[in-house]
Amino acid sequence: LREACGRPDMEVPSPSYTLVQFYEGRTADGTVLP
């Protein structure tokens, strides 16, 4: 997730209790990738 979002220090909580977390990543060509 940190790599896909281009944010190496991004906080990534475990979704163990929320069950799902959503992120906005990018493909290799820069296209937005949910």
PDB file of all heavy atoms in Angstrom:
ATOM      1  N   LEU A   1       0.820  -1.216   0.000  1.00  0.00           N
ATOM      2  CA  LEU A   1       0.000   0.000   0.000  1.00  0.00           C
ATOM      3  C   LEU A   1       0.853   1.264   0.000  1.00  0.00           C
ATOM      4  O   LEU A   1       0.551   2.219  -0.716  1.00  0.00           O
ATOM      5  CB  LEU A   1      -0.947  -0.011   1.197  1.00  0.00           C
ATOM      6  CG  LEU A   1      -2.076  -1.032   1.080  1.00  0.00           C
ATOM      7  CD1 LEU A   1      -2.719  -1.300   2.440  1.00  0.00           C
ATOM      8  CD2 LEU A   1      -3.109  -0.571   0.063  1.00  0.00           C
ATOM      9  N   ARG A   2       1.919   1.279   0.776  1.00  0.00           N
ATOM     10  CA  ARG A   2       2.797   2.460   0.795  1.00  0.00           C
ATOM     11  C   ARG A   2       3.411   2.699  -0.583  1.00  0.00           C
ATOM     12  O   ARG A   2       3.490   3.834  -1.050  1.00  0.00           O
ATOM     13  CB  ARG A   2       3.878   2.277   1.855  1.00  0.00           C
ATOM     14  CG  ARG A   2       3.341   2.395   3.263  1.00  0.00           C
ATOM     15  CD  ARG A   2       4.386   2.080   4.309  1.00  0.00           C
ATOM     16  NE  ARG A   2       3.829   2.296   5.644  1.00  0.00           N
ATOM     17  CZ  ARG A   2       4.121   1.546   6.695  1.00  0.00           C
ATOM     18  NH1 ARG A   2       4.980   0.533   6.590  1.00  0.00           N
ATOM     19  NH2 ARG A   2       3.550   1.800   7.861  1.00  0.00           N
ATOM     20  N   GLU A   3       3.830   1.631  -1.230  1.00  0.00           N
ATOM     21  CA  GLU A   3       4.413   1.755  -2.572  1.00  0.00           C
ATOM     22  C   GLU A   3       3.361   2.201  -3.580  1.00  0.00           C
ATOM     23  O   GLU A   3       3.596   3.101  -4.387  1.00  0.00           O
ATOM     24  CB  GLU A   3       5.023   0.422  -3.002  1.00  0.00           C
ATOM     25  CG  GLU A   3       5.667   0.437  -4.369  1.00  0.00           C
ATOM     26  CD  GLU A   3       7.007   1.154  -4.403  1.00  0.00           C
ATOM     27  OE1 GLU A   3       7.614   1.417  -3.343  1.00  0.00           O
ATOM     28  OE2 GLU A   3       7.469   1.455  -5.524  1.00  0.00           O
ATOM     29  N   ALA A   4       2.194   1.576  -3.557  1.00  0.00           N
ATOM     30  CA  ALA A   4       1.137   1.897  -4.522  1.00  0.00           C
ATOM     31  C   ALA A   4       0.641   3.323  -4.362  1.00  0.00           C
ATOM     32  O   ALA A   4       0.230   3.955  -5.343  1.00  0.00           O
ATOM     33  CB  ALA A   4      -0.025   0.918  -4.375  1.00  0.00           C
ATOM     34  N   CYS A   5       0.686   3.840  -3.146  1.00  0.00           N
ATOM     35  CA  CYS A   5       0.222   5.210  -2.886  1.00  0.00           C
ATOM     36  C   CYS A   5       1.354   6.227  -2.991  1.00  0.00           C
ATOM     37  O   CYS A   5       1.117   7.439  -2.887  1.00  0.00           O
ATOM     38  CB  CYS A   5      -0.434   5.283  -1.508  1.00  0.00           C
ATOM     39  SG  CYS A   5      -1.965   4.320  -1.391  1.00  0.00           S
ATOM     40  N   GLY A   6       2.587   5.749  -3.195  1.00  0.00           N
ATOM     41  CA  GLY A   6       3.727   6.655  -3.325  1.00  0.00           C
ATOM     42  C   GLY A   6       4.060   7.384  -2.039  1.00  0.00           C
ATOM     43  O   GLY A   6       4.596   8.491  -2.072  1.00  0.00           O
ATOM     44  N   ARG A   7       3.752   6.754  -0.903  1.00  0.00           N
ATOM     45  CA  ARG A   7       3.974   7.383   0.395  1.00  0.00           C
ATOM     46  C   ARG A   7       4.658   6.391   1.330  1.00  0.00           C
ATOM     47  O   ARG A   7       4.003   5.684   2.073  1.00  0.00           O
ATOM     48  CB  ARG A   7       2.648   7.863   0.973  1.00  0.00           C
ATOM     49  CG  ARG A   7       1.987   8.921   0.109  1.00  0.00           C
ATOM     50  CD  ARG A   7       0.635   9.361   0.624  1.00  0.00           C
ATOM     51  NE  ARG A   7       0.707   9.753   2.026  1.00  0.00           N
ATOM     52  CZ  ARG A   7      -0.350   9.729   2.842  1.00  0.00           C
ATOM     53  NH1 ARG A   7      -1.530   9.326   2.407  1.00  0.00           N
ATOM     54  NH2 ARG A   7      -0.225  10.101   4.087  1.00  0.00           N
ATOM     55  N   PRO A   8       5.992   6.327   1.304  1.00  0.00           N
ATOM     56  CA  PRO A   8       6.715   5.327   2.079  1.00  0.00           C
ATOM     57  C   PRO A   8       6.495   5.388   3.583  1.00  0.00           C
ATOM     58  O   PRO A   8       6.669   4.387   4.278  1.00  0.00           O
ATOM     59  CB  PRO A   8       8.185   5.562   1.733  1.00  0.00           C
ATOM     60  CG  PRO A   8       8.236   6.727   0.839  1.00  0.00           C
ATOM     61  CD  PRO A   8       6.859   7.173   0.520  1.00  0.00           C
ATOM     62  N   ASP A   9       6.116   6.557   4.114  1.00  0.00           N
ATOM     63  CA  ASP A   9       5.911   6.698   5.556  1.00  0.00           C
ATOM     64  C   ASP A   9       4.430   6.731   5.934  1.00  0.00           C
ATOM     65  O   ASP A   9       4.094   7.048   7.078  1.00  0.00           O
ATOM     66  CB  ASP A   9       6.594   7.971   6.064  1.00  0.00           C
ATOM     67  CG  ASP A   9       8.102   7.924   5.869  1.00  0.00           C
ATOM     68  OD1 ASP A   9       8.670   6.821   5.970  1.00  0.00           O
ATOM     69  OD2 ASP A   9       8.705   8.980   5.608  1.00  0.00           O
ATOM     70  N   MET A  10       3.559   6.393   4.993  1.00  0.00           N
ATOM     71  CA  MET A  10       2.122   6.457   5.236  1.00  0.00           C
ATOM     72  C   MET A  10       1.710   5.516   6.375  1.00  0.00           C
ATOM     73  O   MET A  10       2.157   4.380   6.447  1.00  0.00           O
ATOM     74  CB  MET A  10       1.373   6.079   3.956  1.00  0.00           C
ATOM     75  CG  MET A  10      -0.130   6.066   4.094  1.00  0.00           C
ATOM     76  SD  MET A  10      -0.971   5.750   2.509  1.00  0.00           S
ATOM     77  CE  MET A  10      -0.640   4.008   2.274  1.00  0.00           C
ATOM     78  N   GLU A  11       0.854   6.020   7.251  1.00  0.00           N
ATOM     79  CA  GLU A  11       0.280   5.190   8.306  1.00  0.00           C
ATOM     80  C   GLU A  11      -0.710   4.229   7.657  1.00  0.00           C
ATOM     81  O   GLU A  11      -1.602   4.642   6.925  1.00  0.00           O
ATOM     82  CB  GLU A  11      -0.448   6.067   9.337  1.00  0.00           C
ATOM     83  CG  GLU A  11      -1.048   5.311  10.481  1.00  0.00           C
ATOM     84  CD  GLU A  11      -0.006   4.681  11.398  1.00  0.00           C
ATOM     85  OE1 GLU A  11       1.126   5.187  11.479  1.00  0.00           O
ATOM     86  OE2 GLU A  11      -0.340   3.668  12.026  1.00  0.00           O
ATOM     87  N   VAL A  12      -0.529   2.940   7.901  1.00  0.00           N
ATOM     88  CA  VAL A  12      -1.409   1.914   7.342  1.00  0.00           C
ATOM     89  C   VAL A  12      -1.922   1.063   8.505  1.00  0.00           C
ATOM     90  O   VAL A  12      -1.294   0.092   8.896  1.00  0.00           O
ATOM     91  CB  VAL A  12      -0.678   1.029   6.306  1.00  0.00           C
ATOM     92  CG1 VAL A  12      -1.624  -0.033   5.743  1.00  0.00           C
ATOM     93  CG2 VAL A  12      -0.098   1.875   5.180  1.00  0.00           C
ATOM     94  N   PRO A  13      -3.076   1.453   9.051  1.00  0.00           N
ATOM     95  CA  PRO A  13      -3.606   0.661  10.168  1.00  0.00           C
ATOM     96  C   PRO A  13      -4.120  -0.690   9.688  1.00  0.00           C
ATOM     97  O   PRO A  13      -4.588  -0.825   8.559  1.00  0.00           O
ATOM     98  CB  PRO A  13      -4.754   1.526  10.698  1.00  0.00           C
ATOM     99  CG  PRO A  13      -5.179   2.360   9.532  1.00  0.00           C
ATOM    100  CD  PRO A  13      -3.935   2.573   8.698  1.00  0.00           C
ATOM    101  N   SER A  14      -4.034  -1.670  10.547  1.00  0.00           N
ATOM    102  CA  SER A  14      -4.602  -2.976  10.217  1.00  0.00           C
ATOM    103  C   SER A  14      -6.122  -2.854  10.223  1.00  0.00           C
ATOM    104  O   SER A  14      -6.695  -2.288  11.149  1.00  0.00           O
ATOM    105  CB  SER A  14      -4.173  -4.017  11.247  1.00  0.00           C
ATOM    106  OG  SER A  14      -4.888  -5.218  11.034  1.00  0.00           O
ATOM    107  N   PRO A  15      -6.786  -3.371   9.195  1.00  0.00           N
ATOM    108  CA  PRO A  15      -8.247  -3.304   9.184  1.00  0.00           C
ATOM    109  C   PRO A  15      -8.914  -4.448   9.955  1.00  0.00           C
ATOM    110  O   PRO A  15     -10.057  -4.802   9.683  1.00  0.00           O
ATOM    111  CB  PRO A  15      -8.575  -3.359   7.686  1.00  0.00           C
ATOM    112  CG  PRO A  15      -7.454  -4.121   7.083  1.00  0.00           C
ATOM    113  CD  PRO A  15      -6.236  -3.820   7.925  1.00  0.00           C
ATOM    114  N   SER A  16      -8.217  -5.008  10.945  1.00  0.00           N
ATOM    115  CA  SER A  16      -8.773  -6.138  11.690  1.00  0.00           C
ATOM    116  C   SER A  16     -10.120  -5.818  12.334  1.00  0.00           C
ATOM    117  O   SER A  16     -10.989  -6.672  12.402  1.00  0.00           O
ATOM    118  CB  SER A  16      -7.820  -6.605  12.785  1.00  0.00           C
ATOM    119  OG  SER A  16      -6.684  -7.181  12.204  1.00  0.00           O
ATOM    120  N   TYR A  17     -10.295  -4.585  12.790  1.00  0.00           N
ATOM    121  CA  TYR A  17     -11.546  -4.241  13.464  1.00  0.00           C
ATOM    122  C   TYR A  17     -12.488  -3.438  12.588  1.00  0.00           C
ATOM    123  O   TYR A  17     -13.703  -3.533  12.738  1.00  0.00           O
ATOM    124  CB  TYR A  17     -11.257  -3.539  14.797  1.00  0.00           C
ATOM    125  CG  TYR A  17     -10.613  -4.509  15.743  1.00  0.00           C
ATOM    126  CD1 TYR A  17      -9.243  -4.537  15.911  1.00  0.00           C
ATOM    127  CD2 TYR A  17     -11.379  -5.463  16.403  1.00  0.00           C
ATOM    128  CE1 TYR A  17      -8.641  -5.477  16.741  1.00  0.00           C
ATOM    129  CE2 TYR A  17     -10.793  -6.409  17.226  1.00  0.00           C
ATOM    130  CZ  TYR A  17      -9.431  -6.405  17.392  1.00  0.00           C
ATOM    131  OH  TYR A  17      -8.847  -7.346  18.195  1.00  0.00           O
ATOM    132  N   THR A  18     -11.958  -2.677  11.651  1.00  0.00           N
ATOM    133  CA  THR A  18     -12.827  -1.941  10.720  1.00  0.00           C
ATOM    134  C   THR A  18     -13.237  -2.836   9.558  1.00  0.00           C
ATOM    135  O   THR A  18     -14.158  -2.508   8.825  1.00  0.00           O
ATOM    136  CB  THR A  18     -12.112  -0.693  10.173  1.00  0.00           C
ATOM    137  OG1 THR A  18     -10.924  -1.097   9.484  1.00  0.00           O
ATOM    138  CG2 THR A  18     -11.781   0.284  11.284  1.00  0.00           C
ATOM    139  N   LEU A  19     -12.530  -3.922   9.346  1.00  0.00           N
ATOM    140  CA  LEU A  19     -12.729  -4.934   8.304  1.00  0.00           C
ATOM    141  C   LEU A  19     -12.254  -4.482   6.926  1.00  0.00           C
ATOM    142  O   LEU A  19     -11.856  -5.309   6.117  1.00  0.00           O
ATOM    143  CB  LEU A  19     -14.183  -5.413   8.224  1.00  0.00           C
ATOM    144  CG  LEU A  19     -14.737  -6.015   9.511  1.00  0.00           C
ATOM    145  CD1 LEU A  19     -16.193  -6.396   9.324  1.00  0.00           C
ATOM    146  CD2 LEU A  19     -13.926  -7.219   9.935  1.00  0.00           C
ATOM    147  N   VAL A  20     -12.293  -3.190   6.630  1.00  0.00           N
ATOM    148  CA  VAL A  20     -11.815  -2.711   5.326  1.00  0.00           C
ATOM    149  C   VAL A  20     -11.325  -1.268   5.466  1.00  0.00           C
ATOM    150  O   VAL A  20     -11.889  -0.475   6.212  1.00  0.00           O
ATOM    151  CB  VAL A  20     -12.905  -2.836   4.230  1.00  0.00           C
ATOM    152  CG1 VAL A  20     -14.109  -1.964   4.528  1.00  0.00           C
ATOM    153  CG2 VAL A  20     -12.348  -2.531   2.847  1.00  0.00           C
ATOM    154  N   GLN A  21     -10.244  -0.976   4.777  1.00  0.00           N
ATOM    155  CA  GLN A  21      -9.695   0.379   4.669  1.00  0.00           C
ATOM    156  C   GLN A  21      -9.527   0.678   3.189  1.00  0.00           C
ATOM    157  O   GLN A  21      -9.152  -0.203   2.411  1.00  0.00           O
ATOM    158  CB  GLN A  21      -8.321   0.485   5.350  1.00  0.00           C
ATOM    159  CG  GLN A  21      -8.325   0.268   6.833  1.00  0.00           C
ATOM    160  CD  GLN A  21      -8.814   1.483   7.604  1.00  0.00           C
ATOM    161  OE1 GLN A  21      -8.877   2.587   7.097  1.00  0.00           O
ATOM    162  NE2 GLN A  21      -9.190   1.262   8.842  1.00  0.00           N
ATOM    163  N   PHE A  22      -9.774   1.932   2.800  1.00  0.00           N
ATOM    164  CA  PHE A  22      -9.687   2.323   1.396  1.00  0.00           C
ATOM    165  C   PHE A  22      -8.523   3.282   1.177  1.00  0.00           C
ATOM    166  O   PHE A  22      -8.254   4.149   2.011  1.00  0.00           O
ATOM    167  CB  PHE A  22     -11.002   2.981   0.942  1.00  0.00           C
ATOM    168  CG  PHE A  22     -12.176   2.039   1.011  1.00  0.00           C
ATOM    169  CD1 PHE A  22     -12.992   2.002   2.130  1.00  0.00           C
ATOM    170  CD2 PHE A  22     -12.432   1.171  -0.034  1.00  0.00           C
ATOM    171  CE1 PHE A  22     -14.061   1.122   2.201  1.00  0.00           C
ATOM    172  CE2 PHE A  22     -13.497   0.282   0.027  1.00  0.00           C
ATOM    173  CZ  PHE A  22     -14.323   0.265   1.149  1.00  0.00           C
ATOM    174  N   TYR A  23      -7.843   3.117   0.041  1.00  0.00           N
ATOM    175  CA  TYR A  23      -6.673   3.916  -0.304  1.00  0.00           C
ATOM    176  C   TYR A  23      -6.766   4.355  -1.762  1.00  0.00           C
ATOM    177  O   TYR A  23      -7.443   3.704  -2.565  1.00  0.00           O
ATOM    178  CB  TYR A  23      -5.385   3.096  -0.116  1.00  0.00           C
ATOM    179  CG  TYR A  23      -5.198   2.663   1.313  1.00  0.00           C
ATOM    180  CD1 TYR A  23      -5.732   1.458   1.766  1.00  0.00           C
ATOM    181  CD2 TYR A  23      -4.517   3.459   2.217  1.00  0.00           C
ATOM    182  CE1 TYR A  23      -5.591   1.061   3.086  1.00  0.00           C
ATOM    183  CE2 TYR A  23      -4.363   3.071   3.545  1.00  0.00           C
ATOM    184  CZ  TYR A  23      -4.915   1.875   3.964  1.00  0.00           C
ATOM    185  OH  TYR A  23      -4.780   1.495   5.271  1.00  0.00           O
ATOM    186  N   GLU A  24      -6.043   5.422  -2.082  1.00  0.00           N
ATOM    187  CA  GLU A  24      -5.948   5.867  -3.472  1.00  0.00           C
ATOM    188  C   GLU A  24      -4.508   5.667  -3.926  1.00  0.00           C
ATOM    189  O   GLU A  24      -3.614   6.422  -3.550  1.00  0.00           O
ATOM    190  CB  GLU A  24      -6.343   7.340  -3.605  1.00  0.00           C
ATOM    191  CG  GLU A  24      -6.409   7.791  -5.049  1.00  0.00           C
ATOM    192  CD  GLU A  24      -6.928   9.207  -5.186  1.00  0.00           C
ATOM    193  OE1 GLU A  24      -8.133   9.403  -4.983  1.00  0.00           O
ATOM    194  OE2 GLU A  24      -6.106  10.101  -5.489  1.00  0.00           O
ATOM    195  N   GLY A  25      -4.321   4.623  -4.703  1.00  0.00           N
ATOM    196  CA  GLY A  25      -3.003   4.332  -5.242  1.00  0.00           C
ATOM    197  C   GLY A  25      -2.891   4.831  -6.668  1.00  0.00           C
ATOM    198  O   GLY A  25      -3.778   5.530  -7.176  1.00  0.00           O
ATOM    199  N   ARG A  26      -1.812   4.471  -7.314  1.00  0.00           N
ATOM    200  CA  ARG A  26      -1.585   4.831  -8.717  1.00  0.00           C
ATOM    201  C   ARG A  26      -0.945   3.639  -9.418  1.00  0.00           C
ATOM    202  O   ARG A  26      -0.143   2.919  -8.828  1.00  0.00           O
ATOM    203  CB  ARG A  26      -0.655   6.027  -8.832  1.00  0.00           C
ATOM    204  CG  ARG A  26      -1.197   7.264  -8.146  1.00  0.00           C
ATOM    205  CD  ARG A  26      -1.197   8.436  -9.084  1.00  0.00           C
ATOM    206  NE  ARG A  26      -1.803   9.592  -8.435  1.00  0.00           N
ATOM    207  CZ  ARG A  26      -2.897  10.173  -8.882  1.00  0.00           C
ATOM    208  NH1 ARG A  26      -3.479   9.743  -9.965  1.00  0.00           N
ATOM    209  NH2 ARG A  26      -3.399  11.210  -8.266  1.00  0.00           N
ATOM    210  N   THR A  27      -1.301   3.463 -10.684  1.00  0.00           N
ATOM    211  CA  THR A  27      -0.659   2.434 -11.486  1.00  0.00           C
ATOM    212  C   THR A  27       0.715   2.949 -11.913  1.00  0.00           C
ATOM    213  O   THR A  27       1.054   4.118 -11.686  1.00  0.00           O
ATOM    214  CB  THR A  27      -1.485   2.099 -12.741  1.00  0.00           C
ATOM    215  OG1 THR A  27      -1.588   3.281 -13.536  1.00  0.00           O
ATOM    216  CG2 THR A  27      -2.860   1.585 -12.379  1.00  0.00           C
ATOM    217  N   ALA A  28       1.495   2.108 -12.569  1.00  0.00           N
ATOM    218  CA  ALA A  28       2.828   2.498 -13.024  1.00  0.00           C
ATOM    219  C   ALA A  28       2.776   3.694 -13.974  1.00  0.00           C
ATOM    220  O   ALA A  28       3.710   4.494 -14.015  1.00  0.00           O
ATOM    221  CB  ALA A  28       3.519   1.312 -13.692  1.00  0.00           C
ATOM    222  N   ASP A  29       1.661   3.832 -14.723  1.00  0.00           N
ATOM    223  CA  ASP A  29       1.566   4.968 -15.651  1.00  0.00           C
ATOM    224  C   ASP A  29       0.897   6.195 -15.020  1.00  0.00           C
ATOM    225  O   ASP A  29       0.616   7.177 -15.704  1.00  0.00           O
ATOM    226  CB  ASP A  29       0.845   4.565 -16.941  1.00  0.00           C
ATOM    227  CG  ASP A  29      -0.631   4.255 -16.736  1.00  0.00           C
ATOM    228  OD1 ASP A  29      -1.145   4.412 -15.616  1.00  0.00           O
ATOM    229  OD2 ASP A  29      -1.277   3.856 -17.729  1.00  0.00           O
ATOM    230  N   GLY A  30       0.617   6.152 -13.710  1.00  0.00           N
ATOM    231  CA  GLY A  30       0.072   7.301 -13.006  1.00  0.00           C
ATOM    232  C   GLY A  30      -1.445   7.352 -12.900  1.00  0.00           C
ATOM    233  O   GLY A  30      -1.992   8.277 -12.312  1.00  0.00           O
ATOM    234  N   THR A  31      -2.141   6.365 -13.445  1.00  0.00           N
ATOM    235  CA  THR A  31      -3.598   6.325 -13.360  1.00  0.00           C
ATOM    236  C   THR A  31      -4.023   6.075 -11.913  1.00  0.00           C
ATOM    237  O   THR A  31      -3.431   5.247 -11.221  1.00  0.00           O
ATOM    238  CB  THR A  31      -4.148   5.190 -14.253  1.00  0.00           C
ATOM    239  OG1 THR A  31      -3.687   5.394 -15.586  1.00  0.00           O
ATOM    240  CG2 THR A  31      -5.667   5.144 -14.223  1.00  0.00           C
ATOM    241  N   VAL A  32      -5.048   6.814 -11.462  1.00  0.00           N
ATOM    242  CA  VAL A  32      -5.566   6.614 -10.110  1.00  0.00           C
ATOM    243  C   VAL A  32      -6.087   5.182  -9.977  1.00  0.00           C
ATOM    244  O   VAL A  32      -6.762   4.667 -10.871  1.00  0.00           O
ATOM    245  CB  VAL A  32      -6.691   7.627  -9.795  1.00  0.00           C
ATOM    246  CG1 VAL A  32      -7.360   7.306  -8.462  1.00  0.00           C
ATOM    247  CG2 VAL A  32      -6.132   9.048  -9.768  1.00  0.00           C
ATOM    248  N   LEU A  33      -5.754   4.558  -8.869  1.00  0.00           N
ATOM    249  CA  LEU A  33      -6.100   3.161  -8.640  1.00  0.00           C
ATOM    250  C   LEU A  33      -6.659   3.002  -7.226  1.00  0.00           C
ATOM    251  O   LEU A  33      -5.908   2.979  -6.251  1.00  0.00           O
ATOM    252  CB  LEU A  33      -4.850   2.285  -8.809  1.00  0.00           C
ATOM    253  CG  LEU A  33      -5.039   0.785  -8.694  1.00  0.00           C
ATOM    254  CD1 LEU A  33      -5.927   0.260  -9.822  1.00  0.00           C
ATOM    255  CD2 LEU A  33      -3.684   0.089  -8.748  1.00  0.00           C
ATOM    256  N   PRO A  34      -7.993   2.902  -7.087  1.00  0.00           N
ATOM    257  CA  PRO A  34      -8.550   2.664  -5.754  1.00  0.00           C
ATOM    258  C   PRO A  34      -8.151   1.278  -5.260  1.00  0.00           C
ATOM    259  O   PRO A  34      -8.186   0.315  -6.017  1.00  0.00           O
ATOM    260  CB  PRO A  34     -10.063   2.736  -5.968  1.00  0.00           C
ATOM    261  CG  PRO A  34     -10.280   3.203  -7.368  1.00  0.00           C
ATOM    262  CD  PRO A  34      -9.006   2.990  -8.118  1.00  0.00           C
TER     263      PRO A  34
END
